[in-house]
N, C-alpha and C. Protein backbone atom coordinates (compact mmCIF):
# COMPACT_ATOMS: atom_id res chain seq x y z
N MET A 1 0.84 -1.19 0.00
CA MET A 1 0.00 0.00 0.00
C MET A 1 0.87 1.24 0.00
N GLN A 2 0.64 2.14 -0.93
CA GLN A 2 1.41 3.38 -1.02
C GLN A 2 0.86 4.40 -0.02
N THR A 3 1.75 5.26 0.43
CA THR A 3 1.37 6.30 1.37
C THR A 3 1.17 7.60 0.62
N CYS A 4 0.11 8.32 0.95
CA CYS A 4 -0.16 9.62 0.34
C CYS A 4 0.63 10.71 1.06
N PRO A 5 0.92 11.81 0.35
CA PRO A 5 1.48 12.97 1.05
C PRO A 5 0.47 13.47 2.08
N SER A 6 0.94 14.13 3.11
CA SER A 6 0.06 14.59 4.18
C SER A 6 -1.03 15.54 3.69
N TRP A 7 -0.81 16.22 2.58
CA TRP A 7 -1.77 17.20 2.08
C TRP A 7 -2.82 16.60 1.14
N CYS A 8 -2.69 15.33 0.79
CA CYS A 8 -3.59 14.69 -0.17
C CYS A 8 -5.00 14.58 0.40
N VAL A 9 -6.00 15.02 -0.36
CA VAL A 9 -7.40 14.93 0.06
C VAL A 9 -8.18 13.93 -0.80
N THR A 10 -7.48 13.18 -1.65
CA THR A 10 -8.14 12.16 -2.46
C THR A 10 -8.56 11.00 -1.55
N SER A 11 -9.78 10.54 -1.71
CA SER A 11 -10.28 9.47 -0.85
C SER A 11 -9.61 8.14 -1.20
N ALA A 12 -9.62 7.22 -0.23
CA ALA A 12 -9.07 5.89 -0.45
C ALA A 12 -9.82 5.18 -1.57
N GLU A 13 -11.13 5.41 -1.67
CA GLU A 13 -11.93 4.79 -2.73
C GLU A 13 -11.49 5.28 -4.11
N GLU A 14 -11.22 6.57 -4.22
CA GLU A 14 -10.75 7.12 -5.49
C GLU A 14 -9.38 6.53 -5.85
N HIS A 15 -8.49 6.45 -4.88
CA HIS A 15 -7.17 5.86 -5.13
C HIS A 15 -7.29 4.39 -5.54
N ALA A 16 -8.24 3.67 -4.96
CA ALA A 16 -8.40 2.25 -5.26
C ALA A 16 -8.77 2.00 -6.72
N SER A 17 -9.39 2.99 -7.36
CA SER A 17 -9.82 2.81 -8.75
C SER A 17 -8.78 3.28 -9.77
N GLU A 18 -7.61 3.72 -9.31
CA GLU A 18 -6.58 4.22 -10.21
C GLU A 18 -5.81 3.07 -10.87
N GLU A 19 -5.19 3.38 -12.00
CA GLU A 19 -4.37 2.39 -12.70
C GLU A 19 -3.11 2.10 -11.91
N ASP A 20 -2.60 0.88 -12.06
CA ASP A 20 -1.34 0.52 -11.40
C ASP A 20 -0.21 1.38 -11.95
N GLY A 21 0.68 1.82 -11.06
CA GLY A 21 1.85 2.58 -11.48
C GLY A 21 1.68 4.08 -11.46
N SER A 22 0.46 4.56 -11.19
CA SER A 22 0.27 6.01 -11.09
C SER A 22 -0.85 6.30 -10.10
N ARG A 23 -0.67 7.39 -9.40
CA ARG A 23 -1.69 7.85 -8.45
C ARG A 23 -1.88 9.33 -8.64
N LEU A 24 -3.11 9.78 -8.59
CA LEU A 24 -3.42 11.20 -8.70
C LEU A 24 -3.83 11.70 -7.32
N HIS A 25 -3.01 12.59 -6.76
CA HIS A 25 -3.26 13.15 -5.44
C HIS A 25 -3.85 14.55 -5.61
N GLU A 26 -5.02 14.78 -5.01
CA GLU A 26 -5.58 16.13 -5.01
C GLU A 26 -4.98 16.88 -3.84
N GLY A 27 -4.42 18.05 -4.15
CA GLY A 27 -3.80 18.87 -3.12
C GLY A 27 -4.72 19.97 -2.66
N PRO A 28 -4.15 20.94 -1.98
CA PRO A 28 -4.96 22.03 -1.46
C PRO A 28 -5.56 22.88 -2.59
N THR A 29 -6.64 23.55 -2.26
CA THR A 29 -7.29 24.48 -3.19
C THR A 29 -6.97 25.89 -2.73
N PHE A 30 -6.58 26.73 -3.67
CA PHE A 30 -6.27 28.14 -3.42
C PHE A 30 -7.34 28.96 -4.13
N GLY A 31 -8.39 29.34 -3.41
CA GLY A 31 -9.49 30.07 -4.05
C GLY A 31 -10.11 29.21 -5.14
N LEU A 32 -10.02 29.67 -6.39
CA LEU A 32 -10.57 28.94 -7.52
C LEU A 32 -9.57 27.96 -8.14
N VAL A 33 -8.36 27.87 -7.58
CA VAL A 33 -7.31 27.04 -8.16
C VAL A 33 -7.09 25.79 -7.31
N ARG A 34 -7.29 24.62 -7.92
CA ARG A 34 -7.10 23.33 -7.25
C ARG A 34 -5.81 22.71 -7.75
N THR A 35 -5.01 22.17 -6.84
CA THR A 35 -3.71 21.58 -7.21
C THR A 35 -3.80 20.06 -7.22
N TRP A 36 -2.92 19.46 -8.05
CA TRP A 36 -2.88 18.01 -8.23
C TRP A 36 -1.43 17.57 -8.37
N TRP A 37 -1.15 16.33 -7.98
CA TRP A 37 0.15 15.72 -8.24
C TRP A 37 -0.09 14.34 -8.81
N LEU A 38 0.40 14.11 -10.02
CA LEU A 38 0.35 12.80 -10.63
C LEU A 38 1.64 12.10 -10.26
N GLU A 39 1.52 11.08 -9.43
CA GLU A 39 2.67 10.30 -8.99
C GLU A 39 2.89 9.19 -10.01
N GLY A 40 4.11 8.96 -10.39
CA GLY A 40 4.41 7.89 -11.33
C GLY A 40 5.64 8.21 -12.14
N PRO A 41 5.91 7.43 -13.18
CA PRO A 41 7.12 7.61 -13.98
C PRO A 41 7.25 9.01 -14.58
N ALA A 42 6.16 9.59 -15.00
CA ALA A 42 6.18 10.95 -15.57
C ALA A 42 5.43 11.89 -14.63
N GLY A 43 5.68 11.76 -13.33
CA GLY A 43 4.96 12.54 -12.33
C GLY A 43 5.15 14.03 -12.49
N CYS A 44 4.09 14.77 -12.15
CA CYS A 44 4.16 16.23 -12.24
C CYS A 44 3.06 16.86 -11.41
N PHE A 45 3.29 18.11 -11.04
CA PHE A 45 2.27 18.93 -10.39
C PHE A 45 1.52 19.70 -11.45
N THR A 46 0.20 19.81 -11.27
CA THR A 46 -0.64 20.60 -12.17
C THR A 46 -1.68 21.32 -11.33
N ALA A 47 -2.42 22.19 -11.98
CA ALA A 47 -3.52 22.90 -11.31
C ALA A 47 -4.66 23.06 -12.30
N THR A 48 -5.86 23.14 -11.76
CA THR A 48 -7.04 23.41 -12.56
C THR A 48 -7.82 24.55 -11.91
N VAL A 49 -8.57 25.25 -12.72
CA VAL A 49 -9.45 26.29 -12.19
C VAL A 49 -10.80 25.63 -11.94
N THR A 50 -11.30 25.75 -10.72
CA THR A 50 -12.57 25.14 -10.37
C THR A 50 -13.71 25.93 -10.99
N GLU A 51 -14.84 25.30 -11.08
CA GLU A 51 -16.01 26.01 -11.59
C GLU A 51 -16.41 27.07 -10.58
N SER A 52 -16.92 28.17 -11.09
CA SER A 52 -17.34 29.24 -10.19
C SER A 52 -18.71 29.73 -10.60
N SER A 53 -19.31 30.45 -9.70
CA SER A 53 -20.61 31.05 -9.98
C SER A 53 -20.44 32.47 -10.50
N TYR A 54 -19.18 32.88 -10.74
CA TYR A 54 -18.91 34.24 -11.17
C TYR A 54 -19.56 34.58 -12.51
N GLY A 55 -19.48 33.66 -13.47
CA GLY A 55 -19.89 34.03 -14.83
C GLY A 55 -18.82 34.94 -15.39
N GLU A 56 -19.14 36.20 -15.55
CA GLU A 56 -18.14 37.17 -15.99
C GLU A 56 -17.36 37.67 -14.78
N LEU A 57 -16.07 37.87 -14.98
CA LEU A 57 -15.21 38.28 -13.88
C LEU A 57 -15.00 39.78 -13.87
N THR A 58 -15.10 40.36 -12.70
CA THR A 58 -14.79 41.78 -12.53
C THR A 58 -13.28 41.92 -12.37
N SER A 59 -12.80 43.14 -12.35
CA SER A 59 -11.36 43.35 -12.14
C SER A 59 -10.94 42.83 -10.76
N ASP A 60 -11.79 42.98 -9.74
CA ASP A 60 -11.47 42.44 -8.42
C ASP A 60 -11.39 40.91 -8.45
N ASP A 61 -12.32 40.27 -9.18
CA ASP A 61 -12.29 38.82 -9.32
C ASP A 61 -11.01 38.36 -10.00
N LEU A 62 -10.59 39.08 -11.04
CA LEU A 62 -9.36 38.73 -11.75
C LEU A 62 -8.13 38.89 -10.86
N ARG A 63 -8.10 39.95 -10.06
CA ARG A 63 -6.98 40.13 -9.14
C ARG A 63 -6.92 38.99 -8.12
N GLN A 64 -8.09 38.58 -7.62
CA GLN A 64 -8.13 37.48 -6.67
C GLN A 64 -7.67 36.18 -7.33
N LEU A 65 -8.11 35.95 -8.56
CA LEU A 65 -7.68 34.75 -9.29
C LEU A 65 -6.17 34.78 -9.50
N ALA A 66 -5.61 35.94 -9.81
CA ALA A 66 -4.16 36.06 -9.99
C ALA A 66 -3.43 35.75 -8.69
N THR A 67 -3.94 36.24 -7.58
CA THR A 67 -3.33 35.97 -6.28
C THR A 67 -3.42 34.48 -5.96
N ASP A 68 -4.60 33.90 -6.18
CA ASP A 68 -4.78 32.46 -5.92
C ASP A 68 -3.84 31.63 -6.79
N THR A 69 -3.68 32.04 -8.04
CA THR A 69 -2.82 31.31 -8.97
C THR A 69 -1.36 31.40 -8.53
N LEU A 70 -0.93 32.57 -8.10
CA LEU A 70 0.45 32.72 -7.61
C LEU A 70 0.67 31.86 -6.37
N ASP A 71 -0.28 31.87 -5.44
CA ASP A 71 -0.16 31.04 -4.24
C ASP A 71 -0.04 29.56 -4.62
N ALA A 72 -0.88 29.10 -5.56
CA ALA A 72 -0.84 27.71 -5.98
C ALA A 72 0.49 27.38 -6.66
N ALA A 73 0.97 28.27 -7.52
CA ALA A 73 2.23 28.03 -8.23
C ALA A 73 3.40 27.95 -7.25
N MET A 74 3.42 28.81 -6.27
CA MET A 74 4.50 28.77 -5.28
C MET A 74 4.43 27.48 -4.46
N TRP A 75 3.23 27.06 -4.10
CA TRP A 75 3.08 25.82 -3.35
C TRP A 75 3.57 24.64 -4.18
N MET A 76 3.17 24.60 -5.46
CA MET A 76 3.58 23.51 -6.34
C MET A 76 5.09 23.49 -6.52
N ASP A 77 5.70 24.65 -6.73
CA ASP A 77 7.15 24.73 -6.86
C ASP A 77 7.84 24.22 -5.60
N ARG A 78 7.31 24.62 -4.46
CA ARG A 78 7.91 24.22 -3.18
C ARG A 78 7.80 22.70 -3.01
N GLN A 79 6.65 22.13 -3.34
CA GLN A 79 6.48 20.69 -3.23
C GLN A 79 7.45 19.95 -4.15
N ALA A 80 7.56 20.42 -5.37
CA ALA A 80 8.45 19.79 -6.35
C ALA A 80 9.91 19.89 -5.91
N GLN A 81 10.26 20.99 -5.29
CA GLN A 81 11.65 21.21 -4.90
C GLN A 81 12.01 20.49 -3.61
N PHE A 82 11.16 20.58 -2.61
CA PHE A 82 11.51 20.06 -1.28
C PHE A 82 10.67 18.88 -0.83
N GLY A 83 9.57 18.61 -1.51
CA GLY A 83 8.75 17.48 -1.15
C GLY A 83 7.79 17.72 -0.02
N GLN A 84 7.86 18.87 0.60
CA GLN A 84 6.89 19.18 1.65
C GLN A 84 6.78 20.69 1.82
N LEU A 85 5.65 21.10 2.29
CA LEU A 85 5.37 22.52 2.47
C LEU A 85 5.75 22.95 3.87
N ASP A 86 6.49 24.05 3.97
CA ASP A 86 6.75 24.65 5.28
C ASP A 86 5.50 25.40 5.69
N GLN A 87 4.63 24.73 6.43
CA GLN A 87 3.34 25.30 6.76
C GLN A 87 3.43 26.49 7.69
N GLY A 88 4.55 26.65 8.38
CA GLY A 88 4.68 27.76 9.30
C GLY A 88 5.04 29.07 8.62
N LEU A 89 5.38 29.04 7.33
CA LEU A 89 5.78 30.24 6.63
C LEU A 89 4.57 31.02 6.13
N SER A 90 4.64 32.33 6.22
CA SER A 90 3.56 33.16 5.72
C SER A 90 3.66 33.26 4.20
N VAL A 91 2.55 33.65 3.58
CA VAL A 91 2.54 33.85 2.13
C VAL A 91 3.56 34.92 1.76
N ALA A 92 3.69 35.98 2.57
CA ALA A 92 4.65 37.04 2.29
C ALA A 92 6.08 36.48 2.25
N GLU A 93 6.39 35.57 3.17
CA GLU A 93 7.72 34.97 3.20
C GLU A 93 7.94 34.08 1.98
N LEU A 94 6.91 33.32 1.60
CA LEU A 94 7.03 32.48 0.42
C LEU A 94 7.22 33.32 -0.84
N VAL A 95 6.50 34.45 -0.94
CA VAL A 95 6.66 35.35 -2.09
C VAL A 95 8.07 35.91 -2.12
N ARG A 96 8.58 36.33 -0.96
CA ARG A 96 9.94 36.87 -0.88
C ARG A 96 10.95 35.83 -1.34
N ARG A 97 10.81 34.60 -0.88
CA ARG A 97 11.73 33.54 -1.27
C ARG A 97 11.64 33.25 -2.77
N ALA A 98 10.41 33.18 -3.28
CA ALA A 98 10.23 32.93 -4.71
C ALA A 98 10.85 34.05 -5.53
N HIS A 99 10.67 35.29 -5.09
CA HIS A 99 11.25 36.44 -5.80
C HIS A 99 12.77 36.36 -5.79
N ASN A 100 13.34 36.01 -4.65
CA ASN A 100 14.80 35.91 -4.54
C ASN A 100 15.37 34.80 -5.41
N GLN A 101 14.57 33.75 -5.66
CA GLN A 101 15.04 32.63 -6.46
C GLN A 101 14.71 32.78 -7.95
N ALA A 102 13.93 33.80 -8.28
CA ALA A 102 13.48 33.97 -9.66
C ALA A 102 14.68 34.33 -10.56
N THR A 103 14.65 33.82 -11.80
CA THR A 103 15.71 34.12 -12.73
C THR A 103 15.40 35.37 -13.54
N ARG A 104 14.14 35.75 -13.56
CA ARG A 104 13.74 36.99 -14.24
C ARG A 104 12.50 37.52 -13.56
N SER A 105 12.23 38.78 -13.72
CA SER A 105 11.04 39.35 -13.09
C SER A 105 9.88 39.32 -14.05
N ALA A 106 8.69 39.29 -13.48
CA ALA A 106 7.46 39.20 -14.30
C ALA A 106 7.15 40.53 -14.94
């Protein structure tokens, strides 16, 4: 039996129906952005935008989506790099670290 990462919210029943050699772990959701990790030979982190009741997005909605997306991307990068999230760090500290490690500015 394989062990899930501590952040995985995929149910045991969902995992039981997966193909041998790969597991899809659902990670935390950041606003409208849901994170995933496909474990296996070609494993990778991905994210999807969840359905919303917004319909058309206002400028405030877009700013929130941008913030949620940045939070999700930083979390995914951190998981890929270190294998676990430093849960004690603030978002501001994670942004500072990501900025310091960036090879170019946005």
